Amino acid sequence: MGEQSNIGQNDLDLEKKWSFLPIEVLIYSTPEMVVFLDKELDVDWQTTDEFDDAFDKKHANCLTDWGEIQNQVSVLHGVPINYLSGAQRLSFRRMVAEALARGLQGDFDNARTMLVHAQTFVQARNEEISRTWFLEASSVCCVLIVLVALLVIVYIKHNSLDSTLELELALSGSAGALGALLSVFQRLSKTPLDPTAGRKLHYYEGTARVLTGVIAGWVSQFMVKLGLVLSILADKGWAAIFIIGFIAGISERFLPTLIQHVETQASSHPHNKQ
């Protein structure tokens, strides 16, 4: 009981000693040094002059290591975390502060290890946010395009209109959008994303990817219909239209390959030879 009472008194003494600091989360403290997070979850620390003198003498041969740790702490402290949840921000800044505390204790190896963990953690969380934004934009855009296409098809069929071209555009465009969305799903883990670019840019990129699939579906369908490529599919019905549009949307190389094929045919045509 006496030992517990002494520990409690030491804690009270330390709390009183550092009470002038804006401590929100205490990470580590001694009578000579304290590491903490303030209300904004910024990493901060305070040392006494005696501690600084003793630290410099004890680690005179390792001051470069300490400088590297301080630099890395500053770099990680500058990583944007406003996109993360409160718990994630707290966890990240705790790891950075723990690394700083270990460095102040002279445990430079474990300080580096903690900084690596902190960097890995925040990078993974930020990538999750970026992927969420990209998927949201792609999915919403694709759903809207498919719904509009269905409305067009239903309207034409319900009113018995002779609008073959509109039907083909609706079907090939929506198929291209679906193909592009599937391409986004397949390549998401390999797509370089950065949350610091902001939500708006991710939405633009996701929307642009799906719209590119729509355009690819349309162009591919017209090329087939004109007999420029894959003319065997020109009269194969709605299934062929959908398949062509879907492949054009999902494959980034499908449409460029068709265009290259047309260019090759054009260049080899007798009228184009001198």
Protein backbone atom coordinates (compact mmCIF):
# COMPACT_ATOMS: atom_id res chain seq x y z
CA MET A 1 0.00 0.00 0.00
CA GLY A 2 2.85 2.35 0.88
CA GLU A 3 4.47 1.76 -2.55
CA GLN A 4 1.19 2.43 -4.36
CA SER A 5 0.79 5.64 -2.37
CA ASN A 6 4.29 6.76 -3.37
CA ILE A 7 3.55 6.04 -7.04
CA GLY A 8 0.37 8.04 -6.81
CA GLN A 9 2.21 10.94 -5.22
CA ASN A 10 4.83 10.84 -7.99
CA ASP A 11 2.09 10.98 -10.59
CA LEU A 12 0.55 13.97 -8.85
CA ASP A 13 3.92 15.69 -8.67
CA LEU A 14 4.51 15.14 -12.39
CA GLU A 15 1.02 16.35 -13.21
CA LYS A 16 1.63 19.52 -11.22
CA LYS A 17 5.08 20.04 -12.76
CA TRP A 18 3.75 19.92 -16.33
CA SER A 19 0.36 21.47 -15.64
CA PHE A 20 1.24 24.61 -17.62
CA LEU A 21 1.31 22.56 -20.84
CA PRO A 22 -1.84 21.92 -22.98
CA ILE A 23 -1.78 18.17 -22.36
CA GLU A 24 -4.76 16.29 -23.73
CA VAL A 25 -3.22 12.79 -23.95
CA LEU A 26 -0.13 12.06 -21.86
CA ILE A 27 2.26 9.69 -23.60
CA TYR A 28 5.31 9.65 -21.32
CA SER A 29 6.62 11.82 -18.53
CA THR A 30 9.48 12.10 -16.06
CA PRO A 31 10.57 15.02 -13.91
CA GLU A 32 12.87 16.11 -16.74
CA MET A 33 10.85 15.26 -19.87
CA VAL A 34 7.26 14.91 -21.09
CA VAL A 35 5.72 13.80 -24.40
CA PHE A 36 2.03 14.45 -25.05
CA LEU A 37 -0.75 15.22 -27.50
CA ASP A 38 -2.58 18.51 -27.25
CA LYS A 39 -6.28 19.13 -27.96
CA GLU A 40 -5.65 19.18 -31.72
CA LEU A 41 -3.78 15.86 -31.36
CA ASP A 42 -0.51 17.55 -32.29
CA VAL A 43 2.58 15.78 -31.00
CA ASP A 44 4.54 17.93 -28.56
CA TRP A 45 7.18 17.53 -25.90
CA GLN A 46 9.05 19.50 -23.26
CA THR A 47 12.44 18.90 -21.67
CA THR A 48 14.50 20.65 -19.01
CA ASP A 49 17.89 22.17 -19.71
CA GLU A 50 19.47 19.56 -17.46
CA PHE A 51 17.87 16.79 -19.50
CA ASP A 52 19.12 18.28 -22.76
CA ASP A 53 22.69 18.56 -21.48
CA ALA A 54 22.68 15.00 -20.13
CA PHE A 55 21.09 13.67 -23.34
CA ASP A 56 23.68 15.34 -25.57
CA LYS A 57 26.55 13.96 -23.48
CA LYS A 58 25.14 10.44 -23.21
CA HIS A 59 24.28 10.15 -26.90
CA ALA A 60 27.02 12.28 -28.39
CA ASN A 61 27.82 9.57 -30.94
CA CYS A 62 24.15 9.07 -31.88
CA LEU A 63 22.95 12.62 -32.42
CA THR A 64 22.57 11.92 -36.14
CA ASP A 65 20.18 9.08 -35.32
CA TRP A 66 18.20 11.37 -33.06
CA GLY A 67 18.07 14.01 -35.77
CA GLU A 68 16.74 11.47 -38.28
CA ILE A 69 14.03 10.42 -35.84
CA GLN A 70 13.01 14.04 -35.28
CA ASN A 71 12.89 14.62 -39.04
CA GLN A 72 10.70 11.55 -39.57
CA VAL A 73 8.41 12.63 -36.75
CA SER A 74 8.00 16.01 -38.43
CA VAL A 75 7.30 14.37 -41.81
CA LEU A 76 4.66 12.07 -40.38
CA HIS A 77 3.17 14.89 -38.36
CA GLY A 78 2.59 16.70 -41.66
CA VAL A 79 0.63 13.82 -43.22
CA PRO A 80 -3.02 14.94 -43.70
CA ILE A 81 -5.30 13.03 -41.33
CA ASN A 82 -8.47 15.12 -41.45
CA TYR A 83 -10.05 12.45 -43.67
CA LEU A 84 -9.69 9.81 -40.95
CA SER A 85 -12.02 9.06 -38.07
CA GLY A 86 -11.28 10.42 -34.59
CA ALA A 87 -10.10 7.03 -33.34
CA GLN A 88 -7.81 6.58 -36.34
CA ARG A 89 -6.30 10.04 -35.93
CA LEU A 90 -5.67 9.37 -32.25
CA SER A 91 -4.06 5.98 -32.95
CA PHE A 92 -1.75 7.42 -35.59
CA ARG A 93 -0.60 10.40 -33.55
CA ARG A 94 -0.13 8.13 -30.50
CA MET A 95 2.30 5.98 -32.48
CA VAL A 96 4.24 9.03 -33.62
CA ALA A 97 4.39 10.35 -30.06
CA GLU A 98 5.46 6.94 -28.73
CA ALA A 99 8.31 6.91 -31.24
CA LEU A 100 9.38 10.35 -30.08
CA ALA A 101 9.27 9.22 -26.44
CA ARG A 102 11.45 6.22 -27.23
CA GLY A 103 13.90 8.49 -28.99
CA LEU A 104 14.10 10.77 -25.97
CA GLN A 105 14.84 7.69 -23.89
CA GLY A 106 17.72 6.85 -26.21
CA ASP A 107 15.98 3.77 -27.65
CA PHE A 108 16.53 4.80 -31.27
CA ASP A 109 15.98 1.37 -32.84
CA ASN A 110 12.52 0.95 -31.36
CA ALA A 111 11.75 4.57 -32.21
CA ARG A 112 12.45 3.83 -35.87
CA THR A 113 10.35 0.68 -35.72
CA MET A 114 7.42 2.62 -34.27
CA LEU A 115 7.72 5.28 -36.96
CA VAL A 116 7.57 2.59 -39.64
CA HIS A 117 4.40 1.20 -38.05
CA ALA A 118 2.91 4.69 -37.92
CA GLN A 119 3.70 5.34 -41.58
CA THR A 120 2.26 1.99 -42.65
CA PHE A 121 -0.88 2.60 -40.60
CA VAL A 122 -1.64 6.08 -41.93
CA GLN A 123 -0.82 5.10 -45.52
CA ALA A 124 -3.22 2.15 -45.37
CA ARG A 125 -6.00 4.23 -43.82
CA ASN A 126 -5.60 7.03 -46.36
CA GLU A 127 -5.61 4.56 -49.25
CA GLU A 128 -8.87 3.13 -47.91
CA ILE A 129 -10.40 6.61 -47.97
CA SER A 130 -9.18 7.21 -51.54
CA ARG A 131 -10.56 3.90 -52.76
CA THR A 132 -13.91 4.63 -51.13
CA TRP A 133 -14.18 7.97 -52.93
CA PHE A 134 -13.16 6.44 -56.25
CA LEU A 135 -15.62 3.56 -55.91
CA GLU A 136 -18.44 5.86 -54.83
CA ALA A 137 -18.06 8.05 -57.91
CA SER A 138 -17.68 5.13 -60.32
CA SER A 139 -20.61 3.19 -58.90
CA VAL A 140 -23.01 6.13 -58.73
CA CYS A 141 -22.15 7.24 -62.26
CA CYS A 142 -22.60 3.71 -63.62
CA VAL A 143 -25.94 3.22 -61.86
CA LEU A 144 -27.26 6.53 -63.21
CA ILE A 145 -26.19 5.67 -66.76
CA VAL A 146 -27.78 2.22 -66.59
CA LEU A 147 -31.03 3.67 -65.18
CA VAL A 148 -31.20 6.30 -67.93
CA ALA A 149 -30.55 3.60 -70.55
CA LEU A 150 -33.31 1.41 -69.11
CA LEU A 151 -35.73 4.34 -69.09
CA VAL A 152 -34.92 5.06 -72.74
CA ILE A 153 -35.41 1.41 -73.70
CA VAL A 154 -38.69 1.12 -71.77
CA TYR A 155 -39.98 4.39 -73.24
CA ILE A 156 -39.18 3.31 -76.79
CA LYS A 157 -40.66 -0.15 -76.35
CA HIS A 158 -43.76 1.12 -74.52
CA ASN A 159 -44.55 3.62 -77.25
CA SER A 160 -43.61 1.21 -80.05
CA LEU A 161 -41.22 3.73 -81.56
CA ASP A 162 -38.95 2.88 -84.45
CA SER A 163 -35.76 4.05 -82.79
CA THR A 164 -33.16 1.40 -83.49
CA LEU A 165 -30.27 3.82 -83.21
CA GLU A 166 -31.38 5.09 -79.80
CA LEU A 167 -31.81 1.52 -78.56
CA GLU A 168 -28.34 0.58 -79.73
CA LEU A 169 -26.81 3.66 -78.10
CA ALA A 170 -28.60 2.96 -74.83
CA LEU A 171 -27.55 -0.67 -74.77
CA SER A 172 -23.95 -0.23 -75.92
CA GLY A 173 -23.43 2.80 -73.66
CA SER A 174 -24.76 1.10 -70.53
CA ALA A 175 -22.76 -2.03 -71.36
CA GLY A 176 -19.63 0.10 -71.67
CA ALA A 177 -20.37 1.71 -68.28
CA LEU A 178 -20.79 -1.70 -66.64
CA GLY A 179 -17.57 -2.91 -68.23
CA ALA A 180 -15.72 0.17 -66.99
CA LEU A 181 -17.07 -0.34 -63.46
CA LEU A 182 -15.91 -3.94 -63.44
CA SER A 183 -12.50 -2.74 -64.64
CA VAL A 184 -12.40 -0.31 -61.70
CA PHE A 185 -13.17 -3.17 -59.29
CA GLN A 186 -10.48 -5.39 -60.78
CA ARG A 187 -7.71 -2.79 -60.83
CA LEU A 188 -8.54 -0.83 -57.71
CA SER A 189 -5.70 -2.26 -55.65
CA LYS A 190 -3.22 -1.32 -58.40
CA THR A 191 -4.57 2.17 -59.05
CA PRO A 192 -2.36 4.89 -57.50
CA LEU A 193 -4.60 7.06 -55.30
CA ASP A 194 -3.76 9.92 -52.98
CA PRO A 195 -6.30 11.38 -50.53
CA THR A 196 -4.37 14.64 -50.40
CA ALA A 197 -5.71 15.32 -53.91
CA GLY A 198 -9.14 15.71 -52.32
CA ARG A 199 -12.54 14.10 -52.65
CA LYS A 200 -13.52 16.16 -55.71
CA LEU A 201 -10.64 14.96 -57.89
CA HIS A 202 -11.32 11.32 -56.97
CA TYR A 203 -14.96 11.82 -57.93
CA TYR A 204 -13.91 13.33 -61.25
CA GLU A 205 -11.56 10.43 -61.98
CA GLY A 206 -14.14 7.79 -61.08
CA THR A 207 -16.82 9.46 -63.20
CA ALA A 208 -14.41 9.96 -66.10
CA ARG A 209 -13.48 6.25 -66.07
CA VAL A 210 -17.11 5.20 -66.44
CA LEU A 211 -17.89 7.83 -69.08
CA THR A 212 -14.86 6.63 -71.01
CA GLY A 213 -16.42 3.17 -71.02
CA VAL A 214 -19.68 4.62 -72.38
CA ILE A 215 -17.89 6.39 -75.23
CA ALA A 216 -15.82 3.29 -75.97
CA GLY A 217 -19.02 1.25 -76.15
CA TRP A 218 -20.60 3.69 -78.58
CA VAL A 219 -17.56 4.00 -80.86
CA SER A 220 -16.96 0.24 -80.95
CA GLN A 221 -20.60 -0.38 -81.83
CA PHE A 222 -20.50 2.13 -84.70
CA MET A 223 -17.26 0.62 -86.01
CA VAL A 224 -18.82 -2.84 -86.04
CA LYS A 225 -22.06 -1.54 -87.58
CA LEU A 226 -20.12 0.17 -90.39
CA GLY A 227 -18.22 -3.04 -91.06
CA LEU A 228 -14.84 -1.52 -90.21
CA VAL A 229 -14.07 -4.27 -87.71
CA LEU A 230 -15.73 -7.49 -86.55
CA SER A 231 -18.35 -7.16 -89.26
CA ILE A 232 -19.48 -10.71 -88.53
CA LEU A 233 -21.14 -9.35 -85.35
CA ALA A 234 -23.02 -6.55 -87.12
CA ASP A 235 -26.28 -8.48 -87.42
CA LYS A 236 -26.09 -10.69 -84.34
CA GLY A 237 -28.73 -8.81 -82.36
CA TRP A 238 -28.83 -7.18 -78.95
CA ALA A 239 -26.56 -9.73 -77.30
CA ALA A 240 -23.72 -8.84 -79.66
CA ILE A 241 -24.25 -5.12 -79.03
CA PHE A 242 -24.05 -5.65 -75.29
CA ILE A 243 -20.95 -7.86 -75.50
CA ILE A 244 -19.11 -5.41 -77.75
CA GLY A 245 -19.94 -2.49 -75.47
CA PHE A 246 -19.01 -4.42 -72.34
CA ILE A 247 -15.64 -5.53 -73.73
CA ALA A 248 -14.91 -1.99 -74.93
CA GLY A 249 -15.66 -0.67 -71.45
CA ILE A 250 -13.68 -3.22 -69.47
CA SER A 251 -10.61 -3.34 -71.71
CA GLU A 252 -8.47 -0.25 -72.09
CA ARG A 253 -6.79 -1.80 -75.13
CA PHE A 254 -9.91 -3.02 -76.98
CA LEU A 255 -10.90 0.26 -78.66
CA PRO A 256 -7.32 1.39 -79.41
CA THR A 257 -6.72 -2.03 -81.00
CA LEU A 258 -9.80 -1.63 -83.21
CA ILE A 259 -8.74 1.85 -84.23
CA GLN A 260 -5.23 0.64 -85.03
CA HIS A 261 -6.75 -2.13 -87.12
CA VAL A 262 -8.78 0.40 -89.10
CA GLU A 263 -5.69 2.58 -89.58
CA THR A 264 -3.74 -0.41 -90.86
CA GLN A 265 -6.48 -1.25 -93.33
CA ALA A 266 -6.70 2.36 -94.50
CA SER A 267 -2.95 2.67 -95.02
CA SER A 268 -2.85 -0.56 -97.03
CA HIS A 269 -5.76 0.46 -99.29
CA PRO A 270 -4.69 0.89 -102.94
CA HIS A 271 -6.06 4.46 -103.10
CA ASN A 272 -3.75 5.46 -100.26
CA LYS A 273 -0.63 4.14 -101.91
CA GLN A 274 1.45 6.29 -104.18
